[in-house]
C-alpha atoms as a PDB file:
ATOM      1  CA  MET A   1      16.868 -37.145 -12.183  1.00  0.00           C
ATOM      2  CA  GLY A   2      14.834 -35.108 -14.614  1.00  0.00           C
ATOM      3  CA  VAL A   3      12.164 -34.343 -12.091  1.00  0.00           C
ATOM      4  CA  LYS A   4      14.770 -33.041  -9.569  1.00  0.00           C
ATOM      5  CA  ILE A   5      16.152 -30.736 -12.232  1.00  0.00           C
ATOM      6  CA  ILE A   6      12.653 -29.495 -13.109  1.00  0.00           C
ATOM      7  CA  ASN A   7      11.844 -28.962  -9.430  1.00  0.00           C
ATOM      8  CA  LYS A   8      15.085 -27.068  -8.829  1.00  0.00           C
ATOM      9  CA  PHE A   9      14.355 -24.938 -11.881  1.00  0.00           C
ATOM     10  CA  ARG A  10      10.796 -24.171 -10.599  1.00  0.00           C
ATOM     11  CA  SER A  11      12.240 -23.416  -7.172  1.00  0.00           C
ATOM     12  CA  ALA A  12      14.791 -21.059  -8.669  1.00  0.00           C
ATOM     13  CA  LYS A  13      12.086 -19.259 -10.689  1.00  0.00           C
ATOM     14  CA  ILE A  14       9.999 -18.852  -7.528  1.00  0.00           C
ATOM     15  CA  HIS A  15      12.938 -17.466  -5.593  1.00  0.00           C
ATOM     16  CA  ILE A  16      13.713 -14.967  -8.366  1.00  0.00           C
ATOM     17  CA  PHE A  17      10.085 -13.975  -8.436  1.00  0.00           C
ATOM     18  CA  LEU A  18       9.862 -13.562  -4.702  1.00  0.00           C
ATOM     19  CA  PHE A  19      13.060 -11.505  -4.693  1.00  0.00           C
ATOM     20  CA  ALA A  20      11.649  -9.244  -7.391  1.00  0.00           C
ATOM     21  CA  LEU A  21       8.431  -8.910  -5.339  1.00  0.00           C
ATOM     22  CA  LEU A  22      10.403  -8.054  -2.185  1.00  0.00           C
ATOM     23  CA  GLY A  23      12.249  -5.368  -4.079  1.00  0.00           C
ATOM     24  CA  LEU A  24       9.045  -3.935  -5.546  1.00  0.00           C
ATOM     25  CA  SER A  25       7.423  -3.967  -2.055  1.00  0.00           C
ATOM     26  CA  ILE A  26      10.400  -2.103  -0.485  1.00  0.00           C
ATOM     27  CA  PHE A  27      10.207   0.423  -3.339  1.00  0.00           C
ATOM     28  CA  LEU A  28       6.560   1.023  -2.974  1.00  0.00           C
ATOM     29  CA  ILE A  29       6.894   1.458   0.837  1.00  0.00           C
ATOM     30  CA  LEU A  30       9.770   3.921   0.361  1.00  0.00           C
ATOM     31  CA  ASN A  31       7.817   5.705  -2.400  1.00  0.00           C
ATOM     32  CA  ALA A  32       4.823   6.107  -0.074  1.00  0.00           C
ATOM     33  CA  VAL A  33       7.084   7.479   2.776  1.00  0.00           C
ATOM     34  CA  PHE A  34       8.722   9.988   0.390  1.00  0.00           C
ATOM     35  CA  THR A  35       5.321  10.984  -0.985  1.00  0.00           C
ATOM     36  CA  ALA A  36       4.049  11.724   2.479  1.00  0.00           C
ATOM     37  CA  VAL A  37       7.150  13.713   3.262  1.00  0.00           C
ATOM     38  CA  GLU A  38       6.795  15.634  -0.019  1.00  0.00           C
ATOM     39  CA  ALA A  39       3.227  16.465   0.818  1.00  0.00           C
ATOM     40  CA  THR A  40       4.374  18.513   3.724  1.00  0.00           C
ATOM     41  CA  ASN A  41       7.105  20.144   1.846  1.00  0.00           C
ATOM     42  CA  ASP A  42       6.682  23.268  -0.283  1.00  0.00           C
ATOM     43  CA  ASN A  43       9.235  22.030  -2.807  1.00  0.00           C
ATOM     44  CA  LYS A  44       7.340  19.076  -4.070  1.00  0.00           C
ATOM     45  CA  LEU A  45       8.805  16.836  -6.750  1.00  0.00           C
ATOM     46  CA  HIS A  46       6.186  14.997  -8.817  1.00  0.00           C
ATOM     47  CA  PHE A  47       6.977  12.997 -11.964  1.00  0.00           C
ATOM     48  CA  LYS A  48       4.912  11.429 -14.770  1.00  0.00           C
ATOM     49  CA  VAL A  49       5.575   9.424 -17.886  1.00  0.00           C
ATOM     50  CA  VAL A  50       4.682  11.262 -21.094  1.00  0.00           C
ATOM     51  CA  ASP A  51       4.851  10.421 -24.783  1.00  0.00           C
ATOM     52  CA  ALA A  52       6.687  12.409 -27.434  1.00  0.00           C
ATOM     53  CA  ASN A  53       3.753  14.872 -27.689  1.00  0.00           C
ATOM     54  CA  GLY A  54       3.607  15.420 -23.951  1.00  0.00           C
ATOM     55  CA  GLU A  55       0.454  13.346 -23.467  1.00  0.00           C
ATOM     56  CA  GLU A  56       0.408  11.707 -20.042  1.00  0.00           C
ATOM     57  CA  VAL A  57       0.993   7.987 -20.123  1.00  0.00           C
ATOM     58  CA  GLY A  58       1.042   7.265 -16.404  1.00  0.00           C
ATOM     59  CA  PHE A  59       3.092   7.694 -13.255  1.00  0.00           C
ATOM     60  CA  PRO A  60       6.548   6.089 -12.684  1.00  0.00           C
ATOM     61  CA  LEU A  61       6.617   3.456  -9.951  1.00  0.00           C
ATOM     62  CA  MET A  62      10.192   2.389 -10.568  1.00  0.00           C
ATOM     63  CA  PRO A  63      12.524   2.101 -13.612  1.00  0.00           C
ATOM     64  CA  ASN A  64      10.478   0.596 -16.470  1.00  0.00           C
ATOM     65  CA  LEU A  65       7.262   0.246 -14.507  1.00  0.00           C
ATOM     66  CA  LEU A  66       4.469   2.784 -14.529  1.00  0.00           C
ATOM     67  CA  MET A  67       1.121   3.015 -12.861  1.00  0.00           C
ATOM     68  CA  LYS A  68      -1.963   3.853 -14.954  1.00  0.00           C
ATOM     69  CA  ARG A  69      -5.665   3.945 -14.299  1.00  0.00           C
ATOM     70  CA  PHE A  70      -8.187   2.022 -16.364  1.00  0.00           C
ATOM     71  CA  GLY A  71     -11.714   2.796 -15.120  1.00  0.00           C
ATOM     72  CA  ASP A  72     -11.673   2.175 -11.402  1.00  0.00           C
ATOM     73  CA  ASP A  73      -8.518  -0.031 -11.557  1.00  0.00           C
ATOM     74  CA  TRP A  74      -4.953   1.115 -10.971  1.00  0.00           C
ATOM     75  CA  VAL A  75      -2.426  -1.175 -12.777  1.00  0.00           C
ATOM     76  CA  ALA A  76       1.317  -1.512 -12.980  1.00  0.00           C
ATOM     77  CA  ILE A  77       2.482  -1.729 -16.593  1.00  0.00           C
ATOM     78  CA  PRO A  78       6.061  -2.378 -17.878  1.00  0.00           C
ATOM     79  CA  PHE A  79       7.408   0.249 -20.246  1.00  0.00           C
ATOM     80  CA  LYS A  80      10.529   1.331 -21.992  1.00  0.00           C
ATOM     81  CA  PRO A  81      11.150   4.789 -23.612  1.00  0.00           C
ATOM     82  CA  ASN A  82      11.151   2.926 -26.921  1.00  0.00           C
ATOM     83  CA  PRO A  83       9.182   0.621 -27.836  1.00  0.00           C
ATOM     84  CA  GLY A  84       6.848   1.969 -25.116  1.00  0.00           C
ATOM     85  CA  PHE A  85       4.726  -0.711 -23.469  1.00  0.00           C
ATOM     86  CA  ALA A  86       7.024  -3.705 -23.081  1.00  0.00           C
ATOM     87  CA  ASP A  87       5.795  -7.177 -23.971  1.00  0.00           C
ATOM     88  CA  GLN A  88       6.521  -9.669 -21.074  1.00  0.00           C
ATOM     89  CA  ILE A  89       5.951 -12.812 -23.014  1.00  0.00           C
ATOM     90  CA  ASP A  90       9.129 -14.801 -23.847  1.00  0.00           C
ATOM     91  CA  SER A  91       9.760 -16.669 -27.085  1.00  0.00           C
ATOM     92  CA  ALA A  92       8.040 -19.778 -25.688  1.00  0.00           C
ATOM     93  CA  GLY A  93       4.866 -17.730 -24.965  1.00  0.00           C
ATOM     94  CA  ILE A  94       5.285 -17.809 -21.170  1.00  0.00           C
ATOM     95  CA  SER A  95       4.424 -14.888 -19.006  1.00  0.00           C
ATOM     96  CA  ALA A  96       7.269 -13.508 -17.011  1.00  0.00           C
ATOM     97  CA  PHE A  97       5.251 -13.951 -13.743  1.00  0.00           C
ATOM     98  CA  ALA A  98       3.597 -17.394 -14.409  1.00  0.00           C
ATOM     99  CA  SER A  99       4.626 -20.503 -12.543  1.00  0.00           C
ATOM    100  CA  SER A 100       2.672 -23.477 -11.189  1.00  0.00           C
ATOM    101  CA  GLU A 101       3.081 -22.344  -7.609  1.00  0.00           C
ATOM    102  CA  ALA A 102       2.101 -18.623  -8.121  1.00  0.00           C
ATOM    103  CA  PRO A 103       0.051 -18.172 -11.230  1.00  0.00           C
ATOM    104  CA  ILE A 104       0.354 -14.381 -11.262  1.00  0.00           C
ATOM    105  CA  GLY A 105       0.339 -12.989 -14.815  1.00  0.00           C
ATOM    106  CA  ALA A 106      -1.809 -15.845 -16.124  1.00  0.00           C
ATOM    107  CA  ILE A 107      -5.490 -16.309 -16.824  1.00  0.00           C
ATOM    108  CA  LEU A 108      -6.953 -18.292 -13.943  1.00  0.00           C
ATOM    109  CA  PHE A 109      -9.981 -20.701 -14.089  1.00  0.00           C
ATOM    110  CA  THR A 110     -12.149 -22.479 -11.637  1.00  0.00           C
ATOM    111  CA  SER A 111     -12.476 -25.382 -14.128  1.00  0.00           C
ATOM    112  CA  SER A 112      -9.672 -27.921 -14.508  1.00  0.00           C
ATOM    113  CA  ASP A 113      -9.389 -27.433 -18.289  1.00  0.00           C
ATOM    114  CA  CYS A 114      -9.159 -23.633 -18.771  1.00  0.00           C
ATOM    115  CA  THR A 115     -12.757 -23.229 -19.787  1.00  0.00           C
ATOM    116  CA  GLY A 116     -15.353 -20.869 -18.505  1.00  0.00           C
ATOM    117  CA  THR A 117     -14.792 -17.382 -17.087  1.00  0.00           C
ATOM    118  CA  GLY A 118     -11.166 -16.300 -16.990  1.00  0.00           C
ATOM    119  CA  TYR A 119      -9.862 -14.439 -13.888  1.00  0.00           C
ATOM    120  CA  TRP A 120      -6.813 -12.379 -13.068  1.00  0.00           C
ATOM    121  CA  SER A 121      -4.952 -12.327  -9.753  1.00  0.00           C
ATOM    122  CA  VAL A 122      -5.163  -9.043  -7.894  1.00  0.00           C
ATOM    123  CA  GLU A 123      -3.148 -10.076  -4.900  1.00  0.00           C
ATOM    124  CA  PHE A 124      -0.894  -6.876  -5.239  1.00  0.00           C
ATOM    125  CA  GLU A 125      -1.866  -3.265  -5.300  1.00  0.00           C
ATOM    126  CA  PRO A 126      -1.527  -1.873  -7.924  1.00  0.00           C
ATOM    127  CA  GLN A 127      -2.175  -5.127  -9.687  1.00  0.00           C
ATOM    128  CA  LEU A 128       0.569  -6.585 -11.799  1.00  0.00           C
ATOM    129  CA  THR A 129      -0.290  -6.845 -15.510  1.00  0.00           C
ATOM    130  CA  VAL A 130       1.143  -8.486 -18.635  1.00  0.00           C
ATOM    131  CA  VAL A 131       1.425  -6.868 -22.051  1.00  0.00           C
ATOM    132  CA  SER A 132       1.210  -9.304 -24.933  1.00  0.00           C
ATOM    133  CA  ASN A 133       1.295  -8.003 -28.541  1.00  0.00           C
ATOM    134  CA  ASN A 134       0.537  -4.476 -27.291  1.00  0.00           C
ATOM    135  CA  VAL A 135      -2.647  -5.813 -25.463  1.00  0.00           C
ATOM    136  CA  LEU A 136      -2.729  -5.210 -21.736  1.00  0.00           C
ATOM    137  CA  GLN A 137      -3.957  -8.287 -19.667  1.00  0.00           C
ATOM    138  CA  TYR A 138      -5.382  -7.323 -16.273  1.00  0.00           C
ATOM    139  CA  GLY A 139      -8.320  -7.735 -13.897  1.00  0.00           C
ATOM    140  CA  GLY A 140     -11.377  -5.532 -13.904  1.00  0.00           C
ATOM    141  CA  GLY A 141     -14.588  -5.377 -11.894  1.00  0.00           C
ATOM    142  CA  SER A 142     -15.253  -6.575  -8.385  1.00  0.00           C
ATOM    143  CA  THR A 143     -12.756  -8.542  -6.361  1.00  0.00           C
ATOM    144  CA  GLN A 144     -13.679 -12.082  -5.263  1.00  0.00           C
ATOM    145  CA  GLN A 145     -11.923 -15.134  -3.881  1.00  0.00           C
ATOM    146  CA  ILE A 146     -11.843 -18.310  -5.983  1.00  0.00           C
ATOM    147  CA  THR A 147     -10.325 -21.781  -5.953  1.00  0.00           C
ATOM    148  CA  VAL A 148      -7.906 -21.963  -8.906  1.00  0.00           C
ATOM    149  CA  LEU A 149      -7.864 -25.370 -10.638  1.00  0.00           C
ATOM    150  CA  SER A 150      -6.142 -24.406 -13.878  1.00  0.00           C
ATOM    151  CA  TYR A 151      -4.407 -21.448 -15.648  1.00  0.00           C
ATOM    152  CA  SER A 152      -2.833 -20.433 -18.871  1.00  0.00           C
ATOM    153  CA  SER A 153      -0.384 -17.950 -20.143  1.00  0.00           C
ATOM    154  CA  ASP A 154      -1.945 -18.209 -23.628  1.00  0.00           C
ATOM    155  CA  PHE A 155      -3.549 -14.860 -24.183  1.00  0.00           C
ATOM    156  CA  SER A 156      -5.073 -15.784 -27.580  1.00  0.00           C
ATOM    157  CA  PRO A 157      -8.428 -17.554 -26.947  1.00  0.00           C
ATOM    158  CA  PRO A 158      -9.551 -20.139 -27.435  1.00  0.00           C
ATOM    159  CA  ILE A 159      -6.947 -21.755 -25.184  1.00  0.00           C
ATOM    160  CA  GLU A 160      -5.437 -24.902 -26.696  1.00  0.00           C
ATOM    161  CA  PRO A 161      -5.404 -27.948 -24.322  1.00  0.00           C
ATOM    162  CA  GLU A 162      -1.605 -28.106 -24.418  1.00  0.00           C
ATOM    163  CA  ASN A 163      -1.386 -24.472 -23.050  1.00  0.00           C
ATOM    164  CA  CYS A 164      -3.579 -25.214 -20.053  1.00  0.00           C
ATOM    165  CA  GLN A 165      -1.873 -26.037 -16.696  1.00  0.00           C
ATOM    166  CA  SER A 166      -4.181 -28.014 -14.362  1.00  0.00           C
ATOM    167  CA  ASN A 167      -1.692 -29.215 -11.778  1.00  0.00           C
ATOM    168  CA  ILE A 168      -2.822 -26.610  -9.171  1.00  0.00           C
ATOM    169  CA  GLU A 169      -5.397 -26.098  -6.541  1.00  0.00           C
ATOM    170  CA  SER A 170      -5.074 -22.733  -4.650  1.00  0.00           C
ATOM    171  CA  MET A 171      -7.119 -19.883  -3.374  1.00  0.00           C
ATOM    172  CA  ALA A 172      -6.715 -16.434  -4.978  1.00  0.00           C
ATOM    173  CA  TYR A 173      -8.216 -13.022  -4.940  1.00  0.00           C
ATOM    174  CA  VAL A 174      -9.190 -12.181  -8.503  1.00  0.00           C
ATOM    175  CA  GLN A 175     -11.047  -9.941 -10.752  1.00  0.00           C
ATOM    176  CA  GLU A 176     -12.529 -10.983 -14.144  1.00  0.00           C
ATOM    177  CA  HIS A 177      -9.742 -11.180 -16.899  1.00  0.00           C
ATOM    178  CA  THR A 178      -9.937  -8.033 -18.983  1.00  0.00           C
ATOM    179  CA  THR A 179      -7.922  -6.823 -21.967  1.00  0.00           C
ATOM    180  CA  PHE A 180      -7.175  -3.382 -23.379  1.00  0.00           C
ATOM    181  CA  ASP A 181      -5.542  -2.659 -26.751  1.00  0.00           C
ATOM    182  CA  LEU A 182      -2.840  -0.145 -25.837  1.00  0.00           C
ATOM    183  CA  SER A 183      -2.610   1.130 -29.361  1.00  0.00           C
ATOM    184  CA  ALA A 184      -6.038   2.679 -28.804  1.00  0.00           C
ATOM    185  CA  LEU A 185      -4.351   5.317 -26.533  1.00  0.00           C
ATOM    186  CA  ASN A 186      -2.692   6.797 -29.669  1.00  0.00           C
ATOM    187  CA  LEU A 187       0.520   7.491 -27.858  1.00  0.00           C
ATOM    188  CA  VAL A 188       3.639   8.532 -29.737  1.00  0.00           C
ATOM    189  CA  LEU A 189       7.093   7.085 -28.927  1.00  0.00           C
ATOM    190  CA  PRO A 190       9.456   7.653 -27.231  1.00  0.00           C
ATOM    191  CA  PHE A 191       8.125   7.727 -23.749  1.00  0.00           C
ATOM    192  CA  LYS A 192       9.950   9.796 -21.084  1.00  0.00           C
ATOM    193  CA  VAL A 193       9.768  10.690 -17.452  1.00  0.00           C
ATOM    194  CA  VAL A 194       9.256  14.355 -16.703  1.00  0.00           C
ATOM    195  CA  ARG A 195       8.855  16.485 -13.686  1.00  0.00           C
ATOM    196  CA  GLU A 196       5.422  18.061 -13.189  1.00  0.00           C
END
């Protein structure tokens, strides 16, 4: 009985995640269409997210999600006007995107015990990220395909064995797991969306 409830819960999480991805995909497609239309129009409307001092933070993708460039990588980051970059880790320490069937928003490993080089899924463009304690978790470097044998939503190495999920074997396009302390940007709250 307990296994059925757990499987139904996982299935519900997957459906919610897939529905959110569908919504994001539709928004990104519509955004691309409207951007193309705007490029041919003299009355262009362009928006950006700025901090209280007018410093550029990034470009809005949708409510509470912005796009920002780190080196050669464009990433989607959750934000709110105040507190700024929004943590996506719940009280149990679980990433909003992580599940055993689709470990997006988790550190991925080719080992079965969450040791060795950590990787980040880059299946979506811009890549989805997680903010944990004001530290951005994302993938950087060249893209490669790996077989994922374990993953963890514990973003404070070393990863404890109880925080390692090893009940998975799937292929994924990844980049090496990278972090960036968002406080180093010296941005001042609140954030707001403005017209360029």
